[in-house]
Amino acid sequence: MLRTPSTGFSLVEMLVAIAIVGFVMAVAVPSSIQLYDGMQRRQAVRTTMEFLNSARERALATGTYQDVMVKPSSNQIWNSRKRATLSAAVRLQVHGAAELNFDQTGVIRFYPDGSSSGGGVDLARADGSGTRVTVDWLIGRVEQASL
């Protein structure tokens, strides 16, 4: 009588496979968390740039001043048309004209002639690195740079 080889996995093979999966997870999970935090920070920068650039364009197009408000305590940015809440992984700090700010809210104003009140928004990670979005007071240009 011929013996057919048994099908399936041995206990040793299963333990080796589980160990490999565990090792891959131990390496991949922290990397994916950092990747996700980076994506959230980049999205927050894009959203901030979008709000500021659209307010500048609207001020030029309509002939009326346009305000962008930033409230760091709630990670919110808004204008007269829409509001966005940025990721909690990003810490906000706003630099604006003191006479425009109110109730722990920074205001950056764009005027119909293309100028602005100036200022900017810092979007930082927990380690302090991040991006600074600045608004030139003379020509209202919105730019970004590393902190």
C-alpha atoms as a PDB file:
ATOM      1  CA  MET A   1       0.000   0.000   0.000  1.00  0.00           C
ATOM      2  CA  LEU A   2       1.364   3.443  -1.020  1.00  0.00           C
ATOM      3  CA  ARG A   3       1.344   6.261   1.397  1.00  0.00           C
ATOM      4  CA  THR A   4       0.081   9.600   0.064  1.00  0.00           C
ATOM      5  CA  PRO A   5       1.738  12.675   1.483  1.00  0.00           C
ATOM      6  CA  SER A   6      -0.463  14.557   3.906  1.00  0.00           C
ATOM      7  CA  THR A   7      -1.801  17.914   2.810  1.00  0.00           C
ATOM      8  CA  GLY A   8      -1.858  21.008   4.976  1.00  0.00           C
ATOM      9  CA  PHE A   9       0.632  22.886   7.092  1.00  0.00           C
ATOM     10  CA  SER A  10       2.659  21.735  10.020  1.00  0.00           C
ATOM     11  CA  LEU A  11       2.610  23.597  13.302  1.00  0.00           C
ATOM     12  CA  VAL A  12       6.141  24.885  12.691  1.00  0.00           C
ATOM     13  CA  GLU A  13       5.171  26.282   9.292  1.00  0.00           C
ATOM     14  CA  MET A  14       2.163  28.051  10.824  1.00  0.00           C
ATOM     15  CA  LEU A  15       4.286  29.570  13.618  1.00  0.00           C
ATOM     16  CA  VAL A  16       6.872  30.823  11.102  1.00  0.00           C
ATOM     17  CA  ALA A  17       4.128  32.393   8.957  1.00  0.00           C
ATOM     18  CA  ILE A  18       2.564  34.100  12.012  1.00  0.00           C
ATOM     19  CA  ALA A  19       5.978  35.404  13.098  1.00  0.00           C
ATOM     20  CA  ILE A  20       6.624  36.868   9.641  1.00  0.00           C
ATOM     21  CA  VAL A  21       3.210  38.566   9.571  1.00  0.00           C
ATOM     22  CA  GLY A  22       3.821  39.934  13.073  1.00  0.00           C
ATOM     23  CA  PHE A  23       7.198  41.340  12.046  1.00  0.00           C
ATOM     24  CA  VAL A  24       5.743  42.989   8.930  1.00  0.00           C
ATOM     25  CA  MET A  25       2.933  44.546  11.007  1.00  0.00           C
ATOM     26  CA  ALA A  26       5.394  45.814  13.619  1.00  0.00           C
ATOM     27  CA  VAL A  27       7.343  47.601  10.898  1.00  0.00           C
ATOM     28  CA  ALA A  28       4.402  48.769   8.761  1.00  0.00           C
ATOM     29  CA  VAL A  29       2.003  50.202  11.360  1.00  0.00           C
ATOM     30  CA  PRO A  30       4.270  52.976  12.717  1.00  0.00           C
ATOM     31  CA  SER A  31       5.255  53.939   9.173  1.00  0.00           C
ATOM     32  CA  SER A  32       1.639  54.118   8.076  1.00  0.00           C
ATOM     33  CA  ILE A  33       0.758  56.318  11.066  1.00  0.00           C
ATOM     34  CA  GLN A  34       3.532  58.762  10.112  1.00  0.00           C
ATOM     35  CA  LEU A  35       2.366  58.667   6.507  1.00  0.00           C
ATOM     36  CA  TYR A  36      -1.216  59.402   7.578  1.00  0.00           C
ATOM     37  CA  ASP A  37      -0.111  62.323   9.796  1.00  0.00           C
ATOM     38  CA  GLY A  38       1.901  63.729   6.898  1.00  0.00           C
ATOM     39  CA  MET A  39      -1.097  63.466   4.591  1.00  0.00           C
ATOM     40  CA  GLN A  40      -3.294  65.277   7.120  1.00  0.00           C
ATOM     41  CA  ARG A  41      -0.731  68.091   7.482  1.00  0.00           C
ATOM     42  CA  ARG A  42      -0.406  68.500   3.711  1.00  0.00           C
ATOM     43  CA  GLN A  43      -4.205  68.600   3.391  1.00  0.00           C
ATOM     44  CA  ALA A  44      -4.384  71.262   6.108  1.00  0.00           C
ATOM     45  CA  VAL A  45      -1.803  73.356   4.233  1.00  0.00           C
ATOM     46  CA  ARG A  46      -3.739  72.963   0.960  1.00  0.00           C
ATOM     47  CA  THR A  47      -6.993  73.959   2.665  1.00  0.00           C
ATOM     48  CA  THR A  48      -5.387  77.026   4.260  1.00  0.00           C
ATOM     49  CA  MET A  49      -3.825  78.084   0.953  1.00  0.00           C
ATOM     50  CA  GLU A  50      -7.171  77.578  -0.800  1.00  0.00           C
ATOM     51  CA  PHE A  51      -9.054  79.760   1.697  1.00  0.00           C
ATOM     52  CA  LEU A  52      -6.483  82.558   1.503  1.00  0.00           C
ATOM     53  CA  ASN A  53      -6.089  82.526  -2.298  1.00  0.00           C
ATOM     54  CA  SER A  54      -9.836  82.381  -2.926  1.00  0.00           C
ATOM     55  CA  ALA A  55     -10.417  85.316  -0.547  1.00  0.00           C
ATOM     56  CA  ARG A  56      -7.788  87.355  -2.400  1.00  0.00           C
ATOM     57  CA  GLU A  57      -9.328  86.533  -5.775  1.00  0.00           C
ATOM     58  CA  ARG A  58     -12.835  87.320  -4.495  1.00  0.00           C
ATOM     59  CA  ALA A  59     -11.681  90.695  -3.123  1.00  0.00           C
ATOM     60  CA  LEU A  60     -10.162  91.599  -6.490  1.00  0.00           C
ATOM     61  CA  ALA A  61     -13.227  90.388  -8.415  1.00  0.00           C
ATOM     62  CA  THR A  62     -15.956  91.920  -6.252  1.00  0.00           C
ATOM     63  CA  GLY A  63     -14.282  95.150  -5.155  1.00  0.00           C
ATOM     64  CA  THR A  64     -15.019  94.462  -1.479  1.00  0.00           C
ATOM     65  CA  TYR A  65     -12.691  93.330   1.272  1.00  0.00           C
ATOM     66  CA  GLN A  66     -12.719  89.654   2.199  1.00  0.00           C
ATOM     67  CA  ASP A  67     -11.778  88.185   5.580  1.00  0.00           C
ATOM     68  CA  VAL A  68     -10.363  84.775   6.392  1.00  0.00           C
ATOM     69  CA  MET A  69     -10.751  83.834  10.064  1.00  0.00           C
ATOM     70  CA  VAL A  70      -8.578  81.262  11.840  1.00  0.00           C
ATOM     71  CA  LYS A  71      -9.384  79.959  15.313  1.00  0.00           C
ATOM     72  CA  PRO A  72      -6.450  77.906  16.637  1.00  0.00           C
ATOM     73  CA  SER A  73      -8.298  76.604  19.711  1.00  0.00           C
ATOM     74  CA  SER A  74     -10.745  74.658  17.524  1.00  0.00           C
ATOM     75  CA  ASN A  75      -8.506  74.184  14.445  1.00  0.00           C
ATOM     76  CA  GLN A  76     -11.053  75.979  12.270  1.00  0.00           C
ATOM     77  CA  ILE A  77     -10.638  78.269   9.292  1.00  0.00           C
ATOM     78  CA  TRP A  78     -13.532  80.022   7.563  1.00  0.00           C
ATOM     79  CA  ASN A  79     -14.686  82.901   5.419  1.00  0.00           C
ATOM     80  CA  SER A  80     -18.089  84.312   4.510  1.00  0.00           C
ATOM     81  CA  ARG A  81     -18.884  81.278   2.322  1.00  0.00           C
ATOM     82  CA  LYS A  82     -17.513  78.159   3.979  1.00  0.00           C
ATOM     83  CA  ARG A  83     -15.843  76.693   7.037  1.00  0.00           C
ATOM     84  CA  ALA A  84     -13.327  73.882   7.485  1.00  0.00           C
ATOM     85  CA  THR A  85     -12.026  72.051  10.531  1.00  0.00           C
ATOM     86  CA  LEU A  86      -8.419  70.997  10.145  1.00  0.00           C
ATOM     87  CA  SER A  87      -6.939  67.792  11.526  1.00  0.00           C
ATOM     88  CA  ALA A  88      -6.190  67.597  15.235  1.00  0.00           C
ATOM     89  CA  ALA A  89      -2.715  66.341  14.274  1.00  0.00           C
ATOM     90  CA  VAL A  90      -1.911  69.908  13.196  1.00  0.00           C
ATOM     91  CA  ARG A  91      -1.363  72.721  15.694  1.00  0.00           C
ATOM     92  CA  LEU A  92      -2.377  76.155  14.354  1.00  0.00           C
ATOM     93  CA  GLN A  93      -0.946  79.531  15.181  1.00  0.00           C
ATOM     94  CA  VAL A  94      -2.167  82.646  13.383  1.00  0.00           C
ATOM     95  CA  HIS A  95      -0.319  85.921  12.880  1.00  0.00           C
ATOM     96  CA  GLY A  96      -2.650  88.728  11.915  1.00  0.00           C
ATOM     97  CA  ALA A  97      -3.220  92.418  12.400  1.00  0.00           C
ATOM     98  CA  ALA A  98      -4.090  92.979  16.056  1.00  0.00           C
ATOM     99  CA  GLU A  99      -6.854  95.479  15.252  1.00  0.00           C
ATOM    100  CA  LEU A 100      -8.732  92.868  13.179  1.00  0.00           C
ATOM    101  CA  ASN A 101      -8.442  89.918  15.572  1.00  0.00           C
ATOM    102  CA  PHE A 102     -11.306  89.084  17.910  1.00  0.00           C
ATOM    103  CA  ASP A 103     -12.242  86.457  20.504  1.00  0.00           C
ATOM    104  CA  GLN A 104      -9.067  84.330  20.101  1.00  0.00           C
ATOM    105  CA  THR A 105      -9.618  84.380  16.346  1.00  0.00           C
ATOM    106  CA  GLY A 106      -7.023  85.675  13.919  1.00  0.00           C
ATOM    107  CA  VAL A 107      -8.229  87.569  10.858  1.00  0.00           C
ATOM    108  CA  ILE A 108      -6.413  88.066   7.575  1.00  0.00           C
ATOM    109  CA  ARG A 109      -8.128  90.633   5.365  1.00  0.00           C
ATOM    110  CA  PHE A 110      -7.738  91.042   1.612  1.00  0.00           C
ATOM    111  CA  TYR A 111      -8.540  94.430   0.052  1.00  0.00           C
ATOM    112  CA  PRO A 112      -9.939  95.162  -3.441  1.00  0.00           C
ATOM    113  CA  ASP A 113      -6.656  96.735  -4.597  1.00  0.00           C
ATOM    114  CA  GLY A 114      -4.800  93.433  -4.099  1.00  0.00           C
ATOM    115  CA  SER A 115      -3.183  94.290  -0.782  1.00  0.00           C
ATOM    116  CA  SER A 116      -3.929  92.623   2.531  1.00  0.00           C
ATOM    117  CA  SER A 117      -3.598  93.092   6.266  1.00  0.00           C
ATOM    118  CA  GLY A 118      -0.668  90.667   6.078  1.00  0.00           C
ATOM    119  CA  GLY A 119       0.109  87.871   8.463  1.00  0.00           C
ATOM    120  CA  GLY A 120       0.095  84.142   8.176  1.00  0.00           C
ATOM    121  CA  VAL A 121      -0.732  80.775   9.639  1.00  0.00           C
ATOM    122  CA  ASP A 122       1.718  78.262  11.104  1.00  0.00           C
ATOM    123  CA  LEU A 123       0.680  74.620  10.752  1.00  0.00           C
ATOM    124  CA  ALA A 124       2.942  72.552  13.006  1.00  0.00           C
ATOM    125  CA  ARG A 125       3.232  68.923  14.006  1.00  0.00           C
ATOM    126  CA  ALA A 126       3.766  67.795  17.573  1.00  0.00           C
ATOM    127  CA  ASP A 127       7.548  67.840  17.064  1.00  0.00           C
ATOM    128  CA  GLY A 128       7.443  71.512  16.017  1.00  0.00           C
ATOM    129  CA  SER A 129       8.165  70.993  12.335  1.00  0.00           C
ATOM    130  CA  GLY A 130       5.627  72.065   9.783  1.00  0.00           C
ATOM    131  CA  THR A 131       4.675  74.753   7.290  1.00  0.00           C
ATOM    132  CA  ARG A 132       4.248  78.511   7.513  1.00  0.00           C
ATOM    133  CA  VAL A 133       1.715  80.061   5.123  1.00  0.00           C
ATOM    134  CA  THR A 134       2.393  83.793   4.805  1.00  0.00           C
ATOM    135  CA  VAL A 135       0.395  86.608   3.248  1.00  0.00           C
ATOM    136  CA  ASP A 136       2.328  89.591   1.929  1.00  0.00           C
ATOM    137  CA  TRP A 137       0.676  92.808   3.118  1.00  0.00           C
ATOM    138  CA  LEU A 138       1.652  94.873   0.077  1.00  0.00           C
ATOM    139  CA  ILE A 139       0.552  92.635  -2.805  1.00  0.00           C
ATOM    140  CA  GLY A 140      -1.484  89.991  -0.963  1.00  0.00           C
ATOM    141  CA  ARG A 141       0.561  87.085  -2.342  1.00  0.00           C
ATOM    142  CA  VAL A 142       0.103  83.811  -0.445  1.00  0.00           C
ATOM    143  CA  GLU A 143       3.225  81.674  -0.058  1.00  0.00           C
ATOM    144  CA  GLN A 144       4.339  78.698   1.981  1.00  0.00           C
ATOM    145  CA  ALA A 145       7.671  77.764   3.564  1.00  0.00           C
ATOM    146  CA  SER A 146       8.970  75.263   6.098  1.00  0.00           C
ATOM    147  CA  LEU A 147       8.971  76.267   9.754  1.00  0.00           C
END
